[in-house]
Amino acid sequence: EAVDDRITGKLVPHKNEDKLAEALIWMLEHPKEAKSMGQAGRRKMEREFDERFVFERLDREYKRLIRIKLLK
């Protein structure tokens, strides 16, 4: 959810050190693109993971779960 591959960062397979090293080297060799990904990631975090929005979604979900529990 947090990373959109090649837009806000680079996804690498779990526990794959070679692919992680490749991604890090690519970032170092392409600073403009890396900076652009970082900026896009910042915008995504501010838009989708702002604490107000997270708490609002949690509040809605808790209320939904309480209603389900009360109906049983």
PDB file of N, CA and C in Angstrom:
ATOM      1  N   GLU A   1       0.802  -1.203   0.000  1.00  0.00           N
ATOM      2  CA  GLU A   1       0.000   0.000   0.000  1.00  0.00           C
ATOM      3  C   GLU A   1       0.839   1.259   0.000  1.00  0.00           C
ATOM      4  N   ALA A   2       1.945   1.247   0.674  1.00  0.00           N
ATOM      5  CA  ALA A   2       2.708   2.478   0.833  1.00  0.00           C
ATOM      6  C   ALA A   2       3.540   2.818  -0.402  1.00  0.00           C
ATOM      7  N   VAL A   3       3.977   1.810  -1.151  1.00  0.00           N
ATOM      8  CA  VAL A   3       4.847   2.061  -2.301  1.00  0.00           C
ATOM      9  C   VAL A   3       4.151   1.636  -3.585  1.00  0.00           C
ATOM     10  N   ASP A   4       4.093   2.575  -4.527  1.00  0.00           N
ATOM     11  CA  ASP A   4       3.644   2.259  -5.878  1.00  0.00           C
ATOM     12  C   ASP A   4       4.914   2.081  -6.704  1.00  0.00           C
ATOM     13  N   ASP A   5       5.149   0.865  -7.156  1.00  0.00           N
ATOM     14  CA  ASP A   5       6.395   0.532  -7.826  1.00  0.00           C
ATOM     15  C   ASP A   5       6.692   1.485  -8.977  1.00  0.00           C
ATOM     16  N   ARG A   6       7.914   2.027  -8.962  1.00  0.00           N
ATOM     17  CA  ARG A   6       8.447   2.954  -9.959  1.00  0.00           C
ATOM     18  C   ARG A   6       7.738   4.307  -9.979  1.00  0.00           C
ATOM     19  N   ILE A   7       6.843   4.540  -9.016  1.00  0.00           N
ATOM     20  CA  ILE A   7       6.191   5.851  -8.901  1.00  0.00           C
ATOM     21  C   ILE A   7       6.608   6.511  -7.591  1.00  0.00           C
ATOM     22  N   THR A   8       6.429   5.784  -6.482  1.00  0.00           N
ATOM     23  CA  THR A   8       6.828   6.328  -5.182  1.00  0.00           C
ATOM     24  C   THR A   8       8.033   5.596  -4.608  1.00  0.00           C
ATOM     25  N   GLY A   9       8.579   4.672  -5.360  1.00  0.00           N
ATOM     26  CA  GLY A   9       9.733   3.903  -4.912  1.00  0.00           C
ATOM     27  C   GLY A   9       9.883   2.665  -5.773  1.00  0.00           C
ATOM     28  N   LYS A  10      10.724   1.771  -5.320  1.00  0.00           N
ATOM     29  CA  LYS A  10      10.932   0.514  -6.041  1.00  0.00           C
ATOM     30  C   LYS A  10      10.630  -0.640  -5.093  1.00  0.00           C
ATOM     31  N   LEU A  11       9.784  -1.532  -5.541  1.00  0.00           N
ATOM     32  CA  LEU A  11       9.496  -2.727  -4.765  1.00  0.00           C
ATOM     33  C   LEU A  11      10.528  -3.797  -5.087  1.00  0.00           C
ATOM     34  N   VAL A  12      10.952  -4.501  -4.060  1.00  0.00           N
ATOM     35  CA  VAL A  12      11.877  -5.617  -4.257  1.00  0.00           C
ATOM     36  C   VAL A  12      11.312  -6.838  -3.544  1.00  0.00           C
ATOM     37  N   PRO A  13      11.609  -8.020  -4.061  1.00  0.00           N
ATOM     38  CA  PRO A  13      11.113  -9.234  -3.412  1.00  0.00           C
ATOM     39  C   PRO A  13      11.646  -9.375  -1.980  1.00  0.00           C
ATOM     40  N   HIS A  14      10.815  -9.927  -1.129  1.00  0.00           N
ATOM     41  CA  HIS A  14      11.148 -10.153   0.276  1.00  0.00           C
ATOM     42  C   HIS A  14      12.412 -10.998   0.403  1.00  0.00           C
ATOM     43  N   LYS A  15      13.317 -10.577   1.257  1.00  0.00           N
ATOM     44  CA  LYS A  15      14.562 -11.287   1.559  1.00  0.00           C
ATOM     45  C   LYS A  15      15.437 -11.537   0.334  1.00  0.00           C
ATOM     46  N   ASN A  16      15.403 -10.615  -0.617  1.00  0.00           N
ATOM     47  CA  ASN A  16      16.238 -10.757  -1.806  1.00  0.00           C
ATOM     48  C   ASN A  16      17.266  -9.626  -1.813  1.00  0.00           C
ATOM     49  N   GLU A  17      18.428  -9.915  -1.210  1.00  0.00           N
ATOM     50  CA  GLU A  17      19.463  -8.892  -1.064  1.00  0.00           C
ATOM     51  C   GLU A  17      19.975  -8.399  -2.409  1.00  0.00           C
ATOM     52  N   ASP A  18      20.048  -9.276  -3.394  1.00  0.00           N
ATOM     53  CA  ASP A  18      20.554  -8.866  -4.706  1.00  0.00           C
ATOM     54  C   ASP A  18      19.638  -7.829  -5.342  1.00  0.00           C
ATOM     55  N   LYS A  19      18.331  -8.071  -5.296  1.00  0.00           N
ATOM     56  CA  LYS A  19      17.378  -7.117  -5.880  1.00  0.00           C
ATOM     57  C   LYS A  19      17.359  -5.811  -5.088  1.00  0.00           C
ATOM     58  N   LEU A  20      17.523  -5.893  -3.777  1.00  0.00           N
ATOM     59  CA  LEU A  20      17.595  -4.684  -2.956  1.00  0.00           C
ATOM     60  C   LEU A  20      18.822  -3.870  -3.340  1.00  0.00           C
ATOM     61  N   ALA A  21      19.959  -4.544  -3.493  1.00  0.00           N
ATOM     62  CA  ALA A  21      21.188  -3.853  -3.894  1.00  0.00           C
ATOM     63  C   ALA A  21      21.007  -3.213  -5.273  1.00  0.00           C
ATOM     64  N   GLU A  22      20.387  -3.935  -6.198  1.00  0.00           N
ATOM     65  CA  GLU A  22      20.130  -3.385  -7.537  1.00  0.00           C
ATOM     66  C   GLU A  22      19.276  -2.115  -7.451  1.00  0.00           C
ATOM     67  N   ALA A  23      18.230  -2.159  -6.634  1.00  0.00           N
ATOM     68  CA  ALA A  23      17.340  -1.008  -6.498  1.00  0.00           C
ATOM     69  C   ALA A  23      18.084   0.179  -5.888  1.00  0.00           C
ATOM     70  N   LEU A  24      18.911  -0.071  -4.873  1.00  0.00           N
ATOM     71  CA  LEU A  24      19.676   1.006  -4.245  1.00  0.00           C
ATOM     72  C   LEU A  24      20.687   1.613  -5.219  1.00  0.00           C
ATOM     73  N   ILE A  25      21.368   0.763  -5.973  1.00  0.00           N
ATOM     74  CA  ILE A  25      22.327   1.254  -6.964  1.00  0.00           C
ATOM     75  C   ILE A  25      21.599   2.076  -8.026  1.00  0.00           C
ATOM     76  N   TRP A  26      20.456   1.591  -8.466  1.00  0.00           N
ATOM     77  CA  TRP A  26      19.677   2.334  -9.462  1.00  0.00           C
ATOM     78  C   TRP A  26      19.333   3.722  -8.932  1.00  0.00           C
ATOM     79  N   MET A  27      18.897   3.793  -7.674  1.00  0.00           N
ATOM     80  CA  MET A  27      18.553   5.087  -7.074  1.00  0.00           C
ATOM     81  C   MET A  27      19.759   6.018  -7.066  1.00  0.00           C
ATOM     82  N   LEU A  28      20.910   5.492  -6.713  1.00  0.00           N
ATOM     83  CA  LEU A  28      22.126   6.313  -6.676  1.00  0.00           C
ATOM     84  C   LEU A  28      22.548   6.767  -8.071  1.00  0.00           C
ATOM     85  N   GLU A  29      22.313   5.933  -9.065  1.00  0.00           N
ATOM     86  CA  GLU A  29      22.695   6.267 -10.437  1.00  0.00           C
ATOM     87  C   GLU A  29      21.663   7.141 -11.146  1.00  0.00           C
ATOM     88  N   HIS A  30      20.477   7.260 -10.582  1.00  0.00           N
ATOM     89  CA  HIS A  30      19.394   8.045 -11.182  1.00  0.00           C
ATOM     90  C   HIS A  30      18.808   9.007 -10.142  1.00  0.00           C
ATOM     91  N   PRO A  31      19.591   9.990  -9.718  1.00  0.00           N
ATOM     92  CA  PRO A  31      19.138  10.875  -8.632  1.00  0.00           C
ATOM     93  C   PRO A  31      17.889  11.686  -8.967  1.00  0.00           C
ATOM     94  N   LYS A  32      17.723  12.099 -10.215  1.00  0.00           N
ATOM     95  CA  LYS A  32      16.520  12.874 -10.565  1.00  0.00           C
ATOM     96  C   LYS A  32      15.266  12.027 -10.393  1.00  0.00           C
ATOM     97  N   GLU A  33      15.322  10.803 -10.902  1.00  0.00           N
ATOM     98  CA  GLU A  33      14.169   9.910 -10.791  1.00  0.00           C
ATOM     99  C   GLU A  33      13.917   9.531  -9.332  1.00  0.00           C
ATOM    100  N   ALA A  34      14.994   9.301  -8.586  1.00  0.00           N
ATOM    101  CA  ALA A  34      14.856   8.958  -7.166  1.00  0.00           C
ATOM    102  C   ALA A  34      14.204  10.109  -6.398  1.00  0.00           C
ATOM    103  N   LYS A  35      14.632  11.341  -6.712  1.00  0.00           N
ATOM    104  CA  LYS A  35      14.037  12.504  -6.050  1.00  0.00           C
ATOM    105  C   LYS A  35      12.564  12.623  -6.401  1.00  0.00           C
ATOM    106  N   SER A  36      12.231  12.398  -7.657  1.00  0.00           N
ATOM    107  CA  SER A  36      10.841  12.457  -8.096  1.00  0.00           C
ATOM    108  C   SER A  36       9.992  11.411  -7.368  1.00  0.00           C
ATOM    109  N   MET A  37      10.535  10.195  -7.214  1.00  0.00           N
ATOM    110  CA  MET A  37       9.823   9.143  -6.472  1.00  0.00           C
ATOM    111  C   MET A  37       9.626   9.557  -5.021  1.00  0.00           C
ATOM    112  N   GLY A  38      10.661  10.157  -4.444  1.00  0.00           N
ATOM    113  CA  GLY A  38      10.554  10.608  -3.060  1.00  0.00           C
ATOM    114  C   GLY A  38       9.476  11.672  -2.887  1.00  0.00           C
ATOM    115  N   GLN A  39       9.416  12.594  -3.823  1.00  0.00           N
ATOM    116  CA  GLN A  39       8.396  13.641  -3.764  1.00  0.00           C
ATOM    117  C   GLN A  39       7.003  13.051  -3.949  1.00  0.00           C
ATOM    118  N   ALA A  40       6.871  12.107  -4.884  1.00  0.00           N
ATOM    119  CA  ALA A  40       5.577  11.451  -5.095  1.00  0.00           C
ATOM    120  C   ALA A  40       5.175  10.656  -3.855  1.00  0.00           C
ATOM    121  N   GLY A  41       6.151  10.017  -3.216  1.00  0.00           N
ATOM    122  CA  GLY A  41       5.874   9.272  -1.990  1.00  0.00           C
ATOM    123  C   GLY A  41       5.407  10.171  -0.871  1.00  0.00           C
ATOM    124  N   ARG A  42       6.025  11.333  -0.764  1.00  0.00           N
ATOM    125  CA  ARG A  42       5.621  12.309   0.260  1.00  0.00           C
ATOM    126  C   ARG A  42       4.169  12.748   0.046  1.00  0.00           C
ATOM    127  N   ARG A  43       3.826  13.056  -1.214  1.00  0.00           N
ATOM    128  CA  ARG A  43       2.449  13.463  -1.514  1.00  0.00           C
ATOM    129  C   ARG A  43       1.466  12.339  -1.187  1.00  0.00           C
ATOM    130  N   LYS A  44       1.846  11.104  -1.530  1.00  0.00           N
ATOM    131  CA  LYS A  44       0.972   9.958  -1.248  1.00  0.00           C
ATOM    132  C   LYS A  44       0.766   9.801   0.262  1.00  0.00           C
ATOM    133  N   MET A  45       1.828   9.917   1.031  1.00  0.00           N
ATOM    134  CA  MET A  45       1.713   9.766   2.486  1.00  0.00           C
ATOM    135  C   MET A  45       0.826  10.856   3.069  1.00  0.00           C
ATOM    136  N   GLU A  46       1.021  12.085   2.626  1.00  0.00           N
ATOM    137  CA  GLU A  46       0.203  13.183   3.144  1.00  0.00           C
ATOM    138  C   GLU A  46      -1.262  12.997   2.776  1.00  0.00           C
ATOM    139  N   ARG A  47      -1.515  12.451   1.589  1.00  0.00           N
ATOM    140  CA  ARG A  47      -2.881  12.284   1.104  1.00  0.00           C
ATOM    141  C   ARG A  47      -3.570  11.065   1.731  1.00  0.00           C
ATOM    142  N   GLU A  48      -2.851   9.963   1.834  1.00  0.00           N
ATOM    143  CA  GLU A  48      -3.489   8.704   2.220  1.00  0.00           C
ATOM    144  C   GLU A  48      -3.228   8.270   3.655  1.00  0.00           C
ATOM    145  N   PHE A  49      -2.200   8.791   4.282  1.00  0.00           N
ATOM    146  CA  PHE A  49      -1.841   8.298   5.601  1.00  0.00           C
ATOM    147  C   PHE A  49      -1.803   9.388   6.663  1.00  0.00           C
ATOM    148  N   ASP A  50      -2.393  10.535   6.367  1.00  0.00           N
ATOM    149  CA  ASP A  50      -2.514  11.600   7.357  1.00  0.00           C
ATOM    150  C   ASP A  50      -3.273  11.036   8.559  1.00  0.00           C
ATOM    151  N   GLU A  51      -2.801  11.329   9.761  1.00  0.00           N
ATOM    152  CA  GLU A  51      -3.399  10.725  10.956  1.00  0.00           C
ATOM    153  C   GLU A  51      -4.885  11.019  11.089  1.00  0.00           C
ATOM    154  N   ARG A  52      -5.328  12.188  10.621  1.00  0.00           N
ATOM    155  CA  ARG A  52      -6.763  12.495  10.708  1.00  0.00           C
ATOM    156  C   ARG A  52      -7.577  11.492   9.886  1.00  0.00           C
ATOM    157  N   PHE A  53      -7.084  11.177   8.677  1.00  0.00           N
ATOM    158  CA  PHE A  53      -7.797  10.234   7.819  1.00  0.00           C
ATOM    159  C   PHE A  53      -7.725   8.812   8.378  1.00  0.00           C
ATOM    160  N   VAL A  54      -6.572   8.458   8.912  1.00  0.00           N
ATOM    161  CA  VAL A  54      -6.406   7.124   9.500  1.00  0.00           C
ATOM    162  C   VAL A  54      -7.351   6.963  10.685  1.00  0.00           C
ATOM    163  N   PHE A  55      -7.395   7.954  11.576  1.00  0.00           N
ATOM    164  CA  PHE A  55      -8.277   7.868  12.743  1.00  0.00           C
ATOM    165  C   PHE A  55      -9.747   7.855  12.329  1.00  0.00           C
ATOM    166  N   GLU A  56     -10.079   8.606  11.299  1.00  0.00           N
ATOM    167  CA  GLU A  56     -11.455   8.611  10.801  1.00  0.00           C
ATOM    168  C   GLU A  56     -11.845   7.226  10.271  1.00  0.00           C
ATOM    169  N   ARG A  57     -10.935   6.601   9.523  1.00  0.00           N
ATOM    170  CA  ARG A  57     -11.225   5.255   9.005  1.00  0.00           C
ATOM    171  C   ARG A  57     -11.318   4.244  10.137  1.00  0.00           C
ATOM    172  N   LEU A  58     -10.437   4.354  11.132  1.00  0.00           N
ATOM    173  CA  LEU A  58     -10.507   3.450  12.282  1.00  0.00           C
ATOM    174  C   LEU A  58     -11.817   3.633  13.037  1.00  0.00           C
ATOM    175  N   ASP A  59     -12.217   4.876  13.240  1.00  0.00           N
ATOM    176  CA  ASP A  59     -13.471   5.168  13.934  1.00  0.00           C
ATOM    177  C   ASP A  59     -14.655   4.529  13.206  1.00  0.00           C
ATOM    178  N   ARG A  60     -14.698   4.706  11.885  1.00  0.00           N
ATOM    179  CA  ARG A  60     -15.787   4.106  11.096  1.00  0.00           C
ATOM    180  C   ARG A  60     -15.785   2.587  11.223  1.00  0.00           C
ATOM    181  N   GLU A  61     -14.597   1.986  11.155  1.00  0.00           N
ATOM    182  CA  GLU A  61     -14.510   0.525  11.221  1.00  0.00           C
ATOM    183  C   GLU A  61     -14.915   0.014  12.602  1.00  0.00           C
ATOM    184  N   TYR A  62     -14.457   0.672  13.662  1.00  0.00           N
ATOM    185  CA  TYR A  62     -14.849   0.257  15.013  1.00  0.00           C
ATOM    186  C   TYR A  62     -16.364   0.352  15.186  1.00  0.00           C
ATOM    187  N   LYS A  63     -16.949   1.434  14.713  1.00  0.00           N
ATOM    188  CA  LYS A  63     -18.407   1.580  14.818  1.00  0.00           C
ATOM    189  C   LYS A  63     -19.131   0.499  14.028  1.00  0.00           C
ATOM    190  N   ARG A  64     -18.615   0.158  12.866  1.00  0.00           N
ATOM    191  CA  ARG A  64     -19.214  -0.916  12.060  1.00  0.00           C
ATOM    192  C   ARG A  64     -19.137  -2.254  12.802  1.00  0.00           C
ATOM    193  N   LEU A  65     -17.991  -2.530  13.382  1.00  0.00           N
ATOM    194  CA  LEU A  65     -17.822  -3.792  14.108  1.00  0.00           C
ATOM    195  C   LEU A  65     -18.719  -3.847  15.347  1.00  0.00           C
ATOM    196  N   ILE A  66     -18.876  -2.731  16.027  1.00  0.00           N
ATOM    197  CA  ILE A  66     -19.763  -2.676  17.193  1.00  0.00           C
ATOM    198  C   ILE A  66     -21.189  -2.943  16.769  1.00  0.00           C
ATOM    199  N   ARG A  67     -21.637  -2.344  15.664  1.00  0.00           N
ATOM    200  CA  ARG A  67     -23.010  -2.579  15.172  1.00  0.00           C
ATOM    201  C   ARG A  67     -23.210  -4.059  14.851  1.00  0.00           C
ATOM    202  N   ILE A  68     -22.228  -4.678  14.218  1.00  0.00           N
ATOM    203  CA  ILE A  68     -22.335  -6.108  13.884  1.00  0.00           C
ATOM    204  C   ILE A  68     -22.444  -6.915  15.165  1.00  0.00           C
ATOM    205  N   LYS A  69     -21.605  -6.600  16.145  1.00  0.00           N
ATOM    206  CA  LYS A  69     -21.614  -7.334  17.417  1.00  0.00           C
ATOM    207  C   LYS A  69     -22.960  -7.173  18.133  1.00  0.00           C
ATOM    208  N   LEU A  70     -23.518  -5.973  18.102  1.00  0.00           N
ATOM    209  CA  LEU A  70     -24.781  -5.713  18.775  1.00  0.00           C
ATOM    210  C   LEU A  70     -25.958  -6.425  18.097  1.00  0.00           C
ATOM    211  N   LEU A  71     -25.838  -6.654  16.806  1.00  0.00           N
ATOM    212  CA  LEU A  71     -26.916  -7.306  16.063  1.00  0.00           C
ATOM    213  C   LEU A  71     -26.933  -8.833  16.275  1.00  0.00           C
ATOM    214  N   LYS A  72     -25.845  -9.373  16.782  1.00  0.00           N
ATOM    215  CA  LYS A  72     -25.787 -10.837  16.997  1.00  0.00           C
ATOM    216  C   LYS A  72     -26.548 -11.250  18.225  1.00  0.00           C
TER     217      LYS A  72
END
